[in-house]
Protein backbone atom coordinates (compact mmCIF):
# COMPACT_ATOMS: atom_id res chain seq x y z
CA MET A 1 -99.69 63.70 -27.51
CA GLU A 2 -96.68 62.17 -27.74
CA TYR A 3 -97.99 59.11 -29.84
CA LEU A 4 -99.82 61.64 -32.26
CA LYS A 5 -96.47 63.49 -32.53
CA TYR A 6 -94.63 60.29 -33.42
CA GLY A 7 -97.17 58.80 -35.52
CA LEU A 8 -97.23 61.97 -37.78
CA LEU A 9 -93.57 61.72 -38.08
CA ILE A 10 -93.93 58.29 -39.40
CA ALA A 11 -96.56 59.83 -41.82
CA LEU A 12 -94.22 62.10 -42.92
CA ALA A 13 -91.30 59.86 -43.57
CA ILE A 14 -93.88 57.74 -45.42
CA ALA A 15 -94.91 60.63 -47.16
CA LEU A 16 -91.06 61.50 -47.92
CA VAL A 17 -90.49 57.73 -49.45
CA MET A 18 -93.57 58.36 -51.65
CA VAL A 19 -91.87 61.28 -53.00
CA ALA A 20 -88.67 59.66 -54.08
CA ILE A 21 -90.64 56.89 -55.59
CA GLY A 22 -92.54 59.49 -57.61
CA ASP A 23 -89.58 61.57 -58.74
CA ILE A 24 -87.40 58.39 -59.73
CA ARG A 25 -90.32 56.70 -61.87
CA HIS A 26 -91.75 60.24 -63.06
CA ARG A 27 -89.06 62.75 -62.64
CA ARG A 28 -92.41 64.80 -60.80
CA ILE A 29 -92.83 65.53 -57.34
CA SER A 30 -97.06 65.20 -56.43
CA ASN A 31 -98.84 68.25 -55.56
CA VAL A 32 -101.16 66.30 -53.56
CA LEU A 33 -97.81 64.98 -51.47
CA ASN A 34 -96.42 68.45 -51.08
CA ALA A 35 -100.02 69.80 -49.76
CA THR A 36 -100.26 66.82 -47.18
CA ILE A 37 -96.86 67.21 -45.73
CA ALA A 38 -97.35 70.96 -45.87
CA LEU A 39 -100.75 70.62 -44.00
CA GLY A 40 -99.67 68.00 -41.41
CA ALA A 41 -97.21 70.86 -39.76
CA PRO A 42 -99.91 72.51 -37.97
CA LEU A 43 -101.19 69.13 -36.46
CA PHE A 44 -97.29 68.36 -35.36
CA TRP A 45 -96.73 72.04 -33.92
CA VAL A 46 -100.04 71.20 -31.82
CA ALA A 47 -98.86 67.85 -30.93
CA SER A 48 -95.36 68.94 -30.09
CA GLY A 49 -96.56 71.67 -27.78
CA MET A 50 -95.39 74.65 -29.55
CA ALA A 51 -96.62 77.87 -28.58
CA LEU A 52 -97.56 80.43 -31.15
CA TRP A 53 -95.14 83.03 -30.57
CA PRO A 54 -92.09 82.47 -30.84
CA ASP A 55 -92.41 78.80 -32.37
CA ILE A 56 -94.95 78.53 -34.66
CA VAL A 57 -94.06 81.95 -36.15
CA THR A 58 -90.54 81.21 -36.64
CA GLN A 59 -91.68 78.08 -38.57
CA LEU A 60 -93.81 80.18 -40.66
CA GLY A 61 -91.18 82.25 -41.46
CA LEU A 62 -88.58 79.95 -42.18
CA ALA A 63 -90.87 78.18 -44.62
CA LEU A 64 -91.88 81.49 -46.17
CA GLY A 65 -87.66 82.39 -46.47
CA VAL A 66 -86.96 79.22 -47.78
CA PHE A 67 -89.93 79.23 -50.27
CA ALA A 68 -88.59 82.82 -51.83
CA ILE A 69 -85.08 81.55 -51.98
CA CYS A 70 -86.23 78.20 -53.66
CA CYS A 71 -88.25 80.37 -56.17
CA GLY A 72 -85.49 82.29 -57.12
CA LEU A 73 -83.55 79.16 -57.82
CA ASN A 74 -86.24 77.56 -59.89
CA ALA A 75 -86.31 80.44 -61.73
CA LEU A 76 -82.81 80.29 -62.59
CA GLY A 77 -83.21 76.86 -63.56
CA TRP A 78 -81.66 75.39 -60.56
CA LEU A 79 -83.99 74.01 -58.95
CA GLY A 80 -87.50 72.20 -60.10
CA GLY A 81 -90.90 73.39 -58.88
CA GLY A 82 -91.89 70.35 -56.99
CA ASP A 83 -88.60 70.63 -55.23
CA VAL A 84 -89.58 73.89 -54.33
CA LYS A 85 -92.55 73.13 -52.88
CA LEU A 86 -91.30 70.06 -51.04
CA LEU A 87 -88.64 72.54 -49.18
CA GLY A 88 -90.94 75.02 -48.36
CA ALA A 89 -93.32 72.05 -46.47
CA LEU A 90 -90.46 70.46 -45.24
CA ALA A 91 -89.54 73.78 -43.35
CA LEU A 92 -92.85 73.86 -41.62
CA TRP A 93 -91.76 70.62 -39.82
CA LEU A 94 -87.93 71.68 -38.87
CA THR A 95 -86.92 74.04 -36.75
CA PRO A 96 -84.37 76.35 -38.06
CA LEU A 97 -81.20 74.30 -36.79
CA VAL A 98 -82.37 71.15 -37.79
CA PHE A 99 -83.23 72.24 -40.89
CA LEU A 100 -79.67 73.56 -41.71
CA ASP A 101 -78.47 70.20 -40.46
CA PHE A 102 -81.40 68.97 -43.28
CA LEU A 103 -79.68 71.39 -45.94
CA LEU A 104 -76.23 69.47 -45.02
CA ALA A 105 -77.52 66.18 -45.45
CA MET A 106 -79.56 66.69 -48.34
CA ALA A 107 -76.25 68.44 -49.78
CA ILE A 108 -74.02 65.31 -48.86
CA PHE A 109 -76.57 62.96 -50.54
CA GLY A 110 -77.44 64.64 -53.45
CA GLY A 111 -73.81 65.15 -53.99
CA ALA A 112 -73.53 61.27 -53.96
CA ILE A 113 -76.62 60.71 -56.08
CA ALA A 114 -75.28 63.23 -58.88
CA ILE A 115 -71.64 61.11 -58.91
CA ILE A 116 -73.90 57.88 -59.41
CA PHE A 117 -76.21 59.44 -61.69
CA VAL A 118 -72.82 60.61 -63.82
CA ILE A 119 -71.26 57.17 -63.65
CA ARG A 120 -74.31 55.33 -64.41
CA ARG A 121 -74.76 57.90 -67.50
CA LYS A 122 -71.25 57.80 -68.61
CA ILE A 123 -69.84 54.23 -68.39
CA TRP A 124 -73.46 52.16 -67.72
CA ARG A 125 -75.79 53.43 -69.98
CA PRO A 126 -74.57 56.60 -72.08
CA GLU A 127 -77.71 56.60 -74.14
CA THR A 128 -80.00 57.62 -70.76
CA THR A 129 -81.31 60.77 -70.74
CA GLY A 130 -83.46 62.96 -67.84
CA SER A 131 -82.76 65.13 -65.32
CA LEU A 132 -81.25 64.12 -61.83
CA PRO A 133 -84.29 62.97 -58.97
CA TYR A 134 -83.48 65.76 -56.72
CA GLY A 135 -86.45 64.78 -54.63
CA VAL A 136 -84.36 61.36 -53.64
CA ALA A 137 -82.12 63.80 -52.05
CA ILE A 138 -84.54 65.59 -50.24
CA THR A 139 -86.02 62.62 -48.91
CA ALA A 140 -82.97 61.27 -47.58
CA GLY A 141 -81.66 64.35 -45.96
CA GLY A 142 -85.29 64.49 -44.43
CA LEU A 143 -85.26 61.12 -43.22
CA TRP A 144 -81.69 61.39 -41.94
CA VAL A 145 -82.71 64.21 -39.94
CA LEU A 146 -85.97 62.77 -38.91
CA GLY A 147 -83.80 59.55 -37.35
CA TRP A 148 -80.99 61.80 -35.96
CA THR A 149 -83.74 64.56 -34.06
CA TYR A 150 -86.35 61.88 -33.11
CA LEU A 151 -85.49 58.65 -32.69
CA PRO A 152 -83.33 58.52 -29.63
CA GLY A 153 -85.72 60.19 -27.97
CA ALA A 154 -88.36 57.64 -29.22
CA ALA A 155 -86.09 54.75 -28.04
CA LEU A 156 -85.56 56.51 -24.80
CA ALA A 157 -89.34 56.99 -24.31
CA ALA A 158 -89.95 53.30 -24.78
CA ILE A 159 -87.54 52.43 -21.99
CA PRO A 160 -89.63 51.50 -18.93
CA GLY A 161 -88.77 52.93 -15.65
């Protein structure tokens, strides 16, 4: 099951990179990618050996809570619809404590991207219009947390003996 677990994490990482590319190019996050990420989570739960109670129920509750809060942020105009769905889908993969780490990483990357975006708009290309592709910050935070959470285990598991 370890191979399946890490294979699913690699697939998640690839999907996140595709999200960032699509968000940069079109300022849209594909519903197909969001659905793929969400539908991959139950396979990850099984491969990780999660129990229905409390593990999977906690993941579902976290995702529902994240989605509800993000819907409110969308209603205020602070978050796009694709971002809302992506954050809800990612919450299915990350335990609550890891999700908090993800939020911190996402905020840091989002701040850095916002600074670059403003500098680009004000100095290099003042005529540039468009919104900040926050899917890039979500992707960067997600990849950071996946690497931080799972790569040390993968590296140790690969060492014989």
